[in-house]
Structures are given as C-alpha cells and as structure tokens.
C-alpha cells in the first residue's frame, strides 16, 4: 500500500518541480523582453518594493500609450490601480505622466 502512495507523491513532486522550472523560464523571457522595450519605465517600476519583472511588464503593457488617459487618476482607475501619496505612488505617477 505504501509503494503506490510513494510513487504517486514522487510523481506529483516531479511535475511540480518541472512546472516551477518552466515558470522561471517564462519569467526570464518576460523580463528580457520588457527590459528591451522600455528600460526606463522598467527600472522605475521594479524599484518599487513588491513590483517585480512580471508585474512591471503587466503595468507597462496596460499603459502602452498614456496619452489615451486624461490624468494619472483616470489611468489608475482603468487599470484597477490606486495609490496614496507615498513614495511608490509618486514614482508611479511620474512614470505614467
């Protein structure tokens, strides 16, 4: 009874490890691509604690052309982002203006 359970658990752990490795590869590809497209925005966004390469790429993708928005508040509302007047919020507003 123990052998089939051990095999099932071992197989599951191998699948999880393989998927984690694939996720790392995709994350690195996203980081490489976004750094090449807009390095200034990328560096500014990743300087904010909690925003890594993938989140920064998502924000940059959402805000390709900020000229569509009347203000940074309109952009934040559209993207589902809100910020307070903290350092991170100020940085985001400067990036998006």
PDB file of N, CA and C in Angstrom:
ATOM      1  N   UNK A   1       0.813  -1.201   0.000  1.00  0.00           N
ATOM      2  CA  UNK A   1       0.000   0.000   0.000  1.00  0.00           C
ATOM      3  C   UNK A   1       0.861   1.273   0.000  1.00  0.00           C
ATOM      4  N   UNK A   2       2.020   1.184   0.673  1.00  0.00           N
ATOM      5  CA  UNK A   2       2.870   2.358   0.753  1.00  0.00           C
ATOM      6  C   UNK A   2       3.557   2.684  -0.573  1.00  0.00           C
ATOM      7  N   UNK A   3       3.923   1.677  -1.314  1.00  0.00           N
ATOM      8  CA  UNK A   3       4.647   1.892  -2.560  1.00  0.00           C
ATOM      9  C   UNK A   3       3.840   2.707  -3.581  1.00  0.00           C
ATOM     10  N   UNK A   4       2.568   2.380  -3.840  1.00  0.00           N
ATOM     11  CA  UNK A   4       1.803   3.204  -4.791  1.00  0.00           C
ATOM     12  C   UNK A   4       1.643   4.653  -4.323  1.00  0.00           C
ATOM     13  N   UNK A   5       1.477   4.830  -3.026  1.00  0.00           N
ATOM     14  CA  UNK A   5       1.344   6.200  -2.497  1.00  0.00           C
ATOM     15  C   UNK A   5       2.649   6.954  -2.680  1.00  0.00           C
ATOM     16  N   UNK A   6       3.758   6.304  -2.380  1.00  0.00           N
ATOM     17  CA  UNK A   6       5.064   6.953  -2.558  1.00  0.00           C
ATOM     18  C   UNK A   6       5.323   7.301  -4.010  1.00  0.00           C
ATOM     19  N   UNK A   7       4.953   6.420  -4.917  1.00  0.00           N
ATOM     20  CA  UNK A   7       5.133   6.679  -6.352  1.00  0.00           C
ATOM     21  C   UNK A   7       4.260   7.861  -6.792  1.00  0.00           C
ATOM     22  N   UNK A   8       3.031   7.903  -6.324  1.00  0.00           N
ATOM     23  CA  UNK A   8       2.120   8.989  -6.690  1.00  0.00           C
ATOM     24  C   UNK A   8       2.634  10.327  -6.162  1.00  0.00           C
ATOM     25  N   UNK A   9       3.079  10.347  -4.931  1.00  0.00           N
ATOM     26  CA  UNK A   9       3.598  11.585  -4.346  1.00  0.00           C
ATOM     27  C   UNK A   9       4.874  12.015  -5.066  1.00  0.00           C
ATOM     28  N   UNK A  10       5.759  11.077  -5.337  1.00  0.00           N
ATOM     29  CA  UNK A  10       7.003  11.376  -6.037  1.00  0.00           C
ATOM     30  C   UNK A  10       6.736  11.931  -7.430  1.00  0.00           C
ATOM     31  N   UNK A  11       5.786  11.334  -8.132  1.00  0.00           N
ATOM     32  CA  UNK A  11       5.430  11.811  -9.467  1.00  0.00           C
ATOM     33  C   UNK A  11       4.855  13.218  -9.409  1.00  0.00           C
ATOM     34  N   UNK A  12       4.013  13.461  -8.438  1.00  0.00           N
ATOM     35  CA  UNK A  12       3.423  14.797  -8.281  1.00  0.00           C
ATOM     36  C   UNK A  12       4.499  15.836  -7.998  1.00  0.00           C
ATOM     37  N   UNK A  13       5.432  15.511  -7.137  1.00  0.00           N
ATOM     38  CA  UNK A  13       6.514  16.445  -6.820  1.00  0.00           C
ATOM     39  C   UNK A  13       7.398  16.709  -8.037  1.00  0.00           C
ATOM     40  N   UNK A  14       7.630  15.688  -8.847  1.00  0.00           N
ATOM     41  CA  UNK A  14       8.409  15.870 -10.072  1.00  0.00           C
ATOM     42  C   UNK A  14       7.696  16.795 -11.053  1.00  0.00           C
ATOM     43  N   UNK A  15       6.390  16.649 -11.161  1.00  0.00           N
ATOM     44  CA  UNK A  15       5.605  17.512 -12.052  1.00  0.00           C
ATOM     45  C   UNK A  15       5.649  18.949 -11.540  1.00  0.00           C
ATOM     46  N   UNK A  16       5.490  19.131 -10.239  1.00  0.00           N
ATOM     47  CA  UNK A  16       5.533  20.479  -9.658  1.00  0.00           C
ATOM     48  C   UNK A  16       6.885  21.129  -9.923  1.00  0.00           C
ATOM     49  N   UNK A  17       7.959  20.378  -9.718  1.00  0.00           N
ATOM     50  CA  UNK A  17       9.296  20.912  -9.946  1.00  0.00           C
ATOM     51  C   UNK A  17       9.500  21.292 -11.418  1.00  0.00           C
ATOM     52  N   UNK A  18       9.026  20.454 -12.316  1.00  0.00           N
ATOM     53  CA  UNK A  18       9.152  20.747 -13.750  1.00  0.00           C
ATOM     54  C   UNK A  18       8.378  22.011 -14.114  1.00  0.00           C
ATOM     55  N   UNK A  19       7.170  22.158 -13.565  1.00  0.00           N
ATOM     56  CA  UNK A  19       6.365  23.356 -13.842  1.00  0.00           C
ATOM     57  C   UNK A  19       7.010  24.607 -13.262  1.00  0.00           C
ATOM     58  N   UNK A  20       7.578  24.506 -12.078  1.00  0.00           N
ATOM     59  CA  UNK A  20       8.273  25.656 -11.486  1.00  0.00           C
ATOM     60  C   UNK A  20       9.446  26.084 -12.360  1.00  0.00           C
ATOM     61  N   UNK A  21      10.169  25.130 -12.916  1.00  0.00           N
ATOM     62  CA  UNK A  21      11.281  25.462 -13.819  1.00  0.00           C
ATOM     63  C   UNK A  21      10.784  26.154 -15.085  1.00  0.00           C
ATOM     64  N   UNK A  22       9.663  25.702 -15.617  1.00  0.00           N
ATOM     65  CA  UNK A  22       9.083  26.338 -16.808  1.00  0.00           C
ATOM     66  C   UNK A  22       8.639  27.766 -16.493  1.00  0.00           C
ATOM     67  N   UNK A  23       8.064  27.966 -15.316  1.00  0.00           N
ATOM     68  CA  UNK A  23       7.639  29.309 -14.904  1.00  0.00           C
ATOM     69  C   UNK A  23       8.845  30.237 -14.820  1.00  0.00           C
ATOM     70  N   UNK A  24       9.949  29.753 -14.280  1.00  0.00           N
ATOM     71  CA  UNK A  24      11.168  30.564 -14.210  1.00  0.00           C
ATOM     72  C   UNK A  24      11.648  30.959 -15.604  1.00  0.00           C
ATOM     73  N   UNK A  25      11.583  30.029 -16.541  1.00  0.00           N
ATOM     74  CA  UNK A  25      11.995  30.331 -17.923  1.00  0.00           C
ATOM     75  C   UNK A  25      11.110  31.403 -18.542  1.00  0.00           C
ATOM     76  N   UNK A  26       9.814  31.294 -18.332  1.00  0.00           N
ATOM     77  CA  UNK A  26       8.884  32.285 -18.882  1.00  0.00           C
ATOM     78  C   UNK A  26       9.108  33.641 -18.224  1.00  0.00           C
ATOM     79  N   UNK A  27       9.299  33.656 -16.904  1.00  0.00           N
ATOM     80  CA  UNK A  27       9.564  34.914 -16.198  1.00  0.00           C
ATOM     81  C   UNK A  27      10.827  35.590 -16.728  1.00  0.00           C
ATOM     82  N   UNK A  28      11.872  34.808 -16.977  1.00  0.00           N
ATOM     83  CA  UNK A  28      13.108  35.378 -17.522  1.00  0.00           C
ATOM     84  C   UNK A  28      12.901  35.925 -18.930  1.00  0.00           C
ATOM     85  N   UNK A  29      12.105  35.240 -19.731  1.00  0.00           N
ATOM     86  CA  UNK A  29      11.817  35.722 -21.084  1.00  0.00           C
ATOM     87  C   UNK A  29      11.025  37.028 -21.031  1.00  0.00           C
ATOM     88  N   UNK A  30      10.071  37.108 -20.118  1.00  0.00           N
ATOM     89  CA  UNK A  30       9.294  38.347 -19.953  1.00  0.00           C
ATOM     90  C   UNK A  30      10.213  39.481 -19.535  1.00  0.00           C
ATOM     91  N   UNK A  31      11.069  39.213 -18.570  1.00  0.00           N
ATOM     92  CA  UNK A  31      11.994  40.245 -18.087  1.00  0.00           C
ATOM     93  C   UNK A  31      12.912  40.738 -19.209  1.00  0.00           C
ATOM     94  N   UNK A  32      13.473  39.813 -19.966  1.00  0.00           N
ATOM     95  CA  UNK A  32      14.377  40.180 -21.071  1.00  0.00           C
ATOM     96  C   UNK A  32      13.643  41.028 -22.115  1.00  0.00           C
ATOM     97  N   UNK A  33      12.429  40.636 -22.450  1.00  0.00           N
ATOM     98  CA  UNK A  33      11.662  41.356 -23.464  1.00  0.00           C
ATOM     99  C   UNK A  33      11.294  42.757 -22.993  1.00  0.00           C
ATOM    100  N   UNK A  34      10.798  42.876 -21.788  1.00  0.00           N
ATOM    101  CA  UNK A  34      10.328  44.180 -21.305  1.00  0.00           C
ATOM    102  C   UNK A  34      11.497  45.132 -21.066  1.00  0.00           C
ATOM    103  N   UNK A  35      12.635  44.607 -20.655  1.00  0.00           N
ATOM    104  CA  UNK A  35      13.821  45.464 -20.497  1.00  0.00           C
ATOM    105  C   UNK A  35      14.216  46.078 -21.834  1.00  0.00           C
ATOM    106  N   UNK A  36      14.067  45.314 -22.900  1.00  0.00           N
ATOM    107  CA  UNK A  36      14.428  45.812 -24.224  1.00  0.00           C
ATOM    108  C   UNK A  36      13.428  46.816 -24.779  1.00  0.00           C
ATOM    109  N   UNK A  37      12.173  46.693 -24.397  1.00  0.00           N
ATOM    110  CA  UNK A  37      11.138  47.575 -24.938  1.00  0.00           C
ATOM    111  C   UNK A  37      11.121  48.945 -24.272  1.00  0.00           C
ATOM    112  N   UNK A  38      11.204  48.964 -22.947  1.00  0.00           N
ATOM    113  CA  UNK A  38      11.131  50.233 -22.236  1.00  0.00           C
ATOM    114  C   UNK A  38      11.959  50.156 -20.952  1.00  0.00           C
ATOM    115  N   UNK A  39      13.275  50.273 -21.074  1.00  0.00           N
ATOM    116  CA  UNK A  39      14.139  50.083 -19.904  1.00  0.00           C
ATOM    117  C   UNK A  39      13.940  51.121 -18.803  1.00  0.00           C
ATOM    118  N   UNK A  40      13.602  52.350 -19.165  1.00  0.00           N
ATOM    119  CA  UNK A  40      13.434  53.400 -18.153  1.00  0.00           C
ATOM    120  C   UNK A  40      12.226  53.101 -17.269  1.00  0.00           C
ATOM    121  N   UNK A  41      11.081  52.835 -17.888  1.00  0.00           N
ATOM    122  CA  UNK A  41       9.889  52.508 -17.108  1.00  0.00           C
ATOM    123  C   UNK A  41      10.102  51.234 -16.304  1.00  0.00           C
ATOM    124  N   UNK A  42      10.777  50.265 -16.914  1.00  0.00           N
ATOM    125  CA  UNK A  42      11.039  49.000 -16.230  1.00  0.00           C
ATOM    126  C   UNK A  42      11.839  49.234 -14.953  1.00  0.00           C
ATOM    127  N   UNK A  43      12.918  49.991 -15.056  1.00  0.00           N
ATOM    128  CA  UNK A  43      13.769  50.246 -13.885  1.00  0.00           C
ATOM    129  C   UNK A  43      13.005  51.017 -12.808  1.00  0.00           C
ATOM    130  N   UNK A  44      12.207  52.002 -13.223  1.00  0.00           N
ATOM    131  CA  UNK A  44      11.426  52.771 -12.247  1.00  0.00           C
ATOM    132  C   UNK A  44      10.417  51.880 -11.529  1.00  0.00           C
ATOM    133  N   UNK A  45       9.709  51.068 -12.288  1.00  0.00           N
ATOM    134  CA  UNK A  45       8.695  50.206 -11.682  1.00  0.00           C
ATOM    135  C   UNK A  45       9.300  49.156 -10.758  1.00  0.00           C
ATOM    136  N   UNK A  46      10.389  48.537 -11.186  1.00  0.00           N
ATOM    137  CA  UNK A  46      10.983  47.488 -10.352  1.00  0.00           C
ATOM    138  C   UNK A  46      11.703  48.052  -9.130  1.00  0.00           C
ATOM    139  N   UNK A  47      11.896  49.363  -9.078  1.00  0.00           N
ATOM    140  CA  UNK A  47      12.480  49.974  -7.879  1.00  0.00           C
ATOM    141  C   UNK A  47      11.460  50.067  -6.749  1.00  0.00           C
ATOM    142  N   UNK A  48      10.190  49.857  -7.071  1.00  0.00           N
ATOM    143  CA  UNK A  48       9.125  49.900  -6.065  1.00  0.00           C
ATOM    144  C   UNK A  48       9.046  48.529  -5.396  1.00  0.00           C
ATOM    145  N   UNK A  49       9.137  48.489  -4.066  1.00  0.00           N
ATOM    146  CA  UNK A  49       9.051  47.199  -3.376  1.00  0.00           C
ATOM    147  C   UNK A  49       7.754  46.464  -3.714  1.00  0.00           C
ATOM    148  N   UNK A  50       7.886  45.191  -4.045  1.00  0.00           N
ATOM    149  CA  UNK A  50       6.718  44.376  -4.369  1.00  0.00           C
ATOM    150  C   UNK A  50       6.405  44.289  -5.848  1.00  0.00           C
ATOM    151  N   UNK A  51       7.066  45.100  -6.658  1.00  0.00           N
ATOM    152  CA  UNK A  51       6.850  45.041  -8.102  1.00  0.00           C
ATOM    153  C   UNK A  51       8.084  44.413  -8.736  1.00  0.00           C
ATOM    154  N   UNK A  52       7.893  43.224  -9.263  1.00  0.00           N
ATOM    155  CA  UNK A  52       8.977  42.506  -9.920  1.00  0.00           C
ATOM    156  C   UNK A  52       8.857  42.616 -11.423  1.00  0.00           C
ATOM    157  N   UNK A  53       9.662  41.871 -12.130  1.00  0.00           N
ATOM    158  CA  UNK A  53       9.684  41.949 -13.592  1.00  0.00           C
ATOM    159  C   UNK A  53       8.341  41.639 -14.251  1.00  0.00           C
ATOM    160  N   UNK A  54       7.640  40.634 -13.773  1.00  0.00           N
ATOM    161  CA  UNK A  54       6.383  40.229 -14.420  1.00  0.00           C
ATOM    162  C   UNK A  54       5.290  41.267 -14.173  1.00  0.00           C
ATOM    163  N   UNK A  55       5.188  41.763 -12.942  1.00  0.00           N
ATOM    164  CA  UNK A  55       4.186  42.799 -12.633  1.00  0.00           C
ATOM    165  C   UNK A  55       4.521  44.073 -13.401  1.00  0.00           C
ATOM    166  N   UNK A  56       5.802  44.438 -13.451  1.00  0.00           N
ATOM    167  CA  UNK A  56       6.218  45.623 -14.209  1.00  0.00           C
ATOM    168  C   UNK A  56       5.844  45.473 -15.680  1.00  0.00           C
ATOM    169  N   UNK A  57       6.055  44.296 -16.225  1.00  0.00           N
ATOM    170  CA  UNK A  57       5.686  44.060 -17.627  1.00  0.00           C
ATOM    171  C   UNK A  57       4.186  44.227 -17.829  1.00  0.00           C
ATOM    172  N   UNK A  58       3.404  43.737 -16.888  1.00  0.00           N
ATOM    173  CA  UNK A  58       1.946  43.891 -16.976  1.00  0.00           C
ATOM    174  C   UNK A  58       1.528  45.345 -16.937  1.00  0.00           C
ATOM    175  N   UNK A  59       2.139  46.118 -16.042  1.00  0.00           N
ATOM    176  CA  UNK A  59       1.807  47.549 -15.939  1.00  0.00           C
ATOM    177  C   UNK A  59       2.198  48.273 -17.222  1.00  0.00           C
ATOM    178  N   UNK A  60       3.384  47.985 -17.729  1.00  0.00           N
ATOM    179  CA  UNK A  60       3.829  48.630 -18.970  1.00  0.00           C
ATOM    180  C   UNK A  60       2.917  48.235 -20.129  1.00  0.00           C
ATOM    181  N   UNK A  61       2.520  46.979 -20.182  1.00  0.00           N
ATOM    182  CA  UNK A  61       1.618  46.527 -21.249  1.00  0.00           C
ATOM    183  C   UNK A  61       0.263  47.213 -21.152  1.00  0.00           C
ATOM    184  N   UNK A  62      -0.219  47.421 -19.936  1.00  0.00           N
ATOM    185  CA  UNK A  62      -1.517  48.089 -19.741  1.00  0.00           C
ATOM    186  C   UNK A  62      -1.459  49.556 -20.114  1.00  0.00           C
ATOM    187  N   UNK A  63      -0.281  50.146 -19.998  1.00  0.00           N
ATOM    188  CA  UNK A  63      -0.157  51.596 -20.184  1.00  0.00           C
ATOM    189  C   UNK A  63       0.738  51.934 -21.365  1.00  0.00           C
ATOM    190  N   UNK A  64       0.568  51.230 -22.467  1.00  0.00           N
ATOM    191  CA  UNK A  64       1.410  51.449 -23.643  1.00  0.00           C
ATOM    192  C   UNK A  64       1.397  52.915 -24.051  1.00  0.00           C
ATOM    193  N   UNK A  65       0.225  53.494 -24.167  1.00  0.00           N
ATOM    194  CA  UNK A  65       0.132  54.904 -24.510  1.00  0.00           C
ATOM    195  C   UNK A  65      -0.705  55.616 -23.462  1.00  0.00           C
ATOM    196  N   UNK A  66      -0.030  56.360 -22.621  1.00  0.00           N
ATOM    197  CA  UNK A  66      -0.693  57.068 -21.541  1.00  0.00           C
ATOM    198  C   UNK A  66      -1.511  58.231 -22.081  1.00  0.00           C
ATOM    199  N   UNK A  67      -1.247  58.638 -23.304  1.00  0.00           N
ATOM    200  CA  UNK A  67      -1.960  59.775 -23.881  1.00  0.00           C
ATOM    201  C   UNK A  67      -3.464  59.513 -24.034  1.00  0.00           C
ATOM    202  N   UNK A  68      -3.882  58.254 -23.936  1.00  0.00           N
ATOM    203  CA  UNK A  68      -5.301  57.930 -24.009  1.00  0.00           C
ATOM    204  C   UNK A  68      -6.059  58.391 -22.762  1.00  0.00           C
ATOM    205  N   UNK A  69      -5.345  58.659 -21.690  1.00  0.00           N
ATOM    206  CA  UNK A  69      -5.970  58.989 -20.416  1.00  0.00           C
ATOM    207  C   UNK A  69      -5.812  60.467 -20.101  1.00  0.00           C
ATOM    208  N   UNK A  70      -6.862  61.043 -19.525  1.00  0.00           N
ATOM    209  CA  UNK A  70      -6.844  62.467 -19.203  1.00  0.00           C
ATOM    210  C   UNK A  70      -5.897  62.786 -18.058  1.00  0.00           C
ATOM    211  N   UNK A  71      -5.741  61.836 -17.132  1.00  0.00           N
ATOM    212  CA  UNK A  71      -4.886  62.063 -15.969  1.00  0.00           C
ATOM    213  C   UNK A  71      -4.369  60.727 -15.455  1.00  0.00           C
ATOM    214  N   UNK A  72      -3.425  60.799 -14.519  1.00  0.00           N
ATOM    215  CA  UNK A  72      -2.913  59.567 -13.925  1.00  0.00           C
ATOM    216  C   UNK A  72      -3.992  58.876 -13.093  1.00  0.00           C
ATOM    217  N   UNK A  73      -4.929  59.662 -12.540  1.00  0.00           N
ATOM    218  CA  UNK A  73      -6.047  59.065 -11.800  1.00  0.00           C
ATOM    219  C   UNK A  73      -6.950  58.251 -12.728  1.00  0.00           C
ATOM    220  N   UNK A  74      -7.183  58.752 -13.935  1.00  0.00           N
ATOM    221  CA  UNK A  74      -8.005  58.016 -14.905  1.00  0.00           C
ATOM    222  C   UNK A  74      -7.325  56.712 -15.304  1.00  0.00           C
ATOM    223  N   UNK A  75      -6.023  56.774 -15.462  1.00  0.00           N
ATOM    224  CA  UNK A  75      -5.264  55.569 -15.785  1.00  0.00           C
ATOM    225  C   UNK A  75      -5.343  54.563 -14.642  1.00  0.00           C
ATOM    226  N   UNK A  76      -5.171  55.039 -13.438  1.00  0.00           N
ATOM    227  CA  UNK A  76      -5.234  54.152 -12.270  1.00  0.00           C
ATOM    228  C   UNK A  76      -6.597  53.479 -12.164  1.00  0.00           C
ATOM    229  N   UNK A  77      -7.641  54.229 -12.402  1.00  0.00           N
ATOM    230  CA  UNK A  77      -8.993  53.669 -12.329  1.00  0.00           C
ATOM    231  C   UNK A  77      -9.188  52.600 -13.404  1.00  0.00           C
ATOM    232  N   UNK A  78      -8.728  52.861 -14.613  1.00  0.00           N
ATOM    233  CA  UNK A  78      -8.871  51.909 -15.711  1.00  0.00           C
ATOM    234  C   UNK A  78      -8.080  50.630 -15.455  1.00  0.00           C
ATOM    235  N   UNK A  79      -6.891  50.773 -14.894  1.00  0.00           N
ATOM    236  CA  UNK A  79      -6.015  49.626 -14.657  1.00  0.00           C
ATOM    237  C   UNK A  79      -6.331  48.887 -13.366  1.00  0.00           C
ATOM    238  N   UNK A  80      -7.222  49.468 -12.553  1.00  0.00           N
ATOM    239  CA  UNK A  80      -7.524  48.848 -11.274  1.00  0.00           C
ATOM    240  C   UNK A  80      -6.473  49.155 -10.229  1.00  0.00           C
ATOM    241  N   UNK A  81      -5.681  50.178 -10.479  1.00  0.00           N
ATOM    242  CA  UNK A  81      -4.643  50.587  -9.532  1.00  0.00           C
ATOM    243  C   UNK A  81      -5.091  51.810  -8.759  1.00  0.00           C
ATOM    244  N   UNK A  82      -4.713  51.862  -7.534  1.00  0.00           N
ATOM    245  CA  UNK A  82      -4.885  53.086  -6.751  1.00  0.00           C
ATOM    246  C   UNK A  82      -3.601  53.303  -5.983  1.00  0.00           C
ATOM    247  N   UNK A  83      -3.313  54.537  -5.695  1.00  0.00           N
ATOM    248  CA  UNK A  83      -2.115  54.805  -4.907  1.00  0.00           C
ATOM    249  C   UNK A  83      -2.360  55.987  -3.990  1.00  0.00           C
ATOM    250  N   UNK A  84      -1.598  55.978  -2.922  1.00  0.00           N
ATOM    251  CA  UNK A  84      -1.620  57.076  -1.962  1.00  0.00           C
ATOM    252  C   UNK A  84      -0.432  57.968  -2.270  1.00  0.00           C
ATOM    253  N   UNK A  85      -0.357  59.077  -1.577  1.00  0.00           N
ATOM    254  CA  UNK A  85       0.780  59.976  -1.765  1.00  0.00           C
ATOM    255  C   UNK A  85       1.976  59.476  -0.969  1.00  0.00           C
ATOM    256  N   UNK A  86       2.454  58.308  -1.334  1.00  0.00           N
ATOM    257  CA  UNK A  86       3.674  57.754  -0.761  1.00  0.00           C
ATOM    258  C   UNK A  86       4.730  57.778  -1.840  1.00  0.00           C
ATOM    259  N   UNK A  87       5.916  57.395  -1.488  1.00  0.00           N
ATOM    260  CA  UNK A  87       6.991  57.416  -2.483  1.00  0.00           C
ATOM    261  C   UNK A  87       6.647  56.558  -3.684  1.00  0.00           C
ATOM    262  N   UNK A  88       6.104  55.368  -3.453  1.00  0.00           N
ATOM    263  CA  UNK A  88       5.766  54.486  -4.567  1.00  0.00           C
ATOM    264  C   UNK A  88       4.707  55.117  -5.457  1.00  0.00           C
ATOM    265  N   UNK A  89       3.704  55.745  -4.858  1.00  0.00           N
ATOM    266  CA  UNK A  89       2.654  56.396  -5.629  1.00  0.00           C
ATOM    267  C   UNK A  89       3.190  57.531  -6.468  1.00  0.00           C
ATOM    268  N   UNK A  90       4.107  58.294  -5.906  1.00  0.00           N
ATOM    269  CA  UNK A  90       4.702  59.402  -6.646  1.00  0.00           C
ATOM    270  C   UNK A  90       5.507  58.872  -7.825  1.00  0.00           C
ATOM    271  N   UNK A  91       6.271  57.801  -7.605  1.00  0.00           N
ATOM    272  CA  UNK A  91       7.046  57.213  -8.685  1.00  0.00           C
ATOM    273  C   UNK A  91       6.126  56.739  -9.802  1.00  0.00           C
ATOM    274  N   UNK A  92       5.043  56.045  -9.439  1.00  0.00           N
ATOM    275  CA  UNK A  92       4.108  55.556 -10.460  1.00  0.00           C
ATOM    276  C   UNK A  92       3.500  56.719 -11.232  1.00  0.00           C
ATOM    277  N   UNK A  93       3.125  57.782 -10.535  1.00  0.00           N
ATOM    278  CA  UNK A  93       2.531  58.919 -11.224  1.00  0.00           C
ATOM    279  C   UNK A  93       3.534  59.539 -12.192  1.00  0.00           C
ATOM    280  N   UNK A  94       4.792  59.618 -11.808  1.00  0.00           N
ATOM    281  CA  UNK A  94       5.812  60.191 -12.692  1.00  0.00           C
ATOM    282  C   UNK A  94       6.041  59.302 -13.909  1.00  0.00           C
ATOM    283  N   UNK A  95       6.008  58.000 -13.696  1.00  0.00           N
ATOM    284  CA  UNK A  95       6.211  57.068 -14.807  1.00  0.00           C
ATOM    285  C   UNK A  95       5.087  57.203 -15.813  1.00  0.00           C
ATOM    286  N   UNK A  96       3.873  57.336 -15.306  1.00  0.00           N
ATOM    287  CA  UNK A  96       2.701  57.300 -16.156  1.00  0.00           C
ATOM    288  C   UNK A  96       2.347  58.645 -16.774  1.00  0.00           C
ATOM    289  N   UNK A  97       2.981  59.702 -16.333  1.00  0.00           N
ATOM    290  CA  UNK A  97       2.686  61.022 -16.895  1.00  0.00           C
ATOM    291  C   UNK A  97       3.517  61.314 -18.105  1.00  0.00           C
TER     292      UNK A  97
END
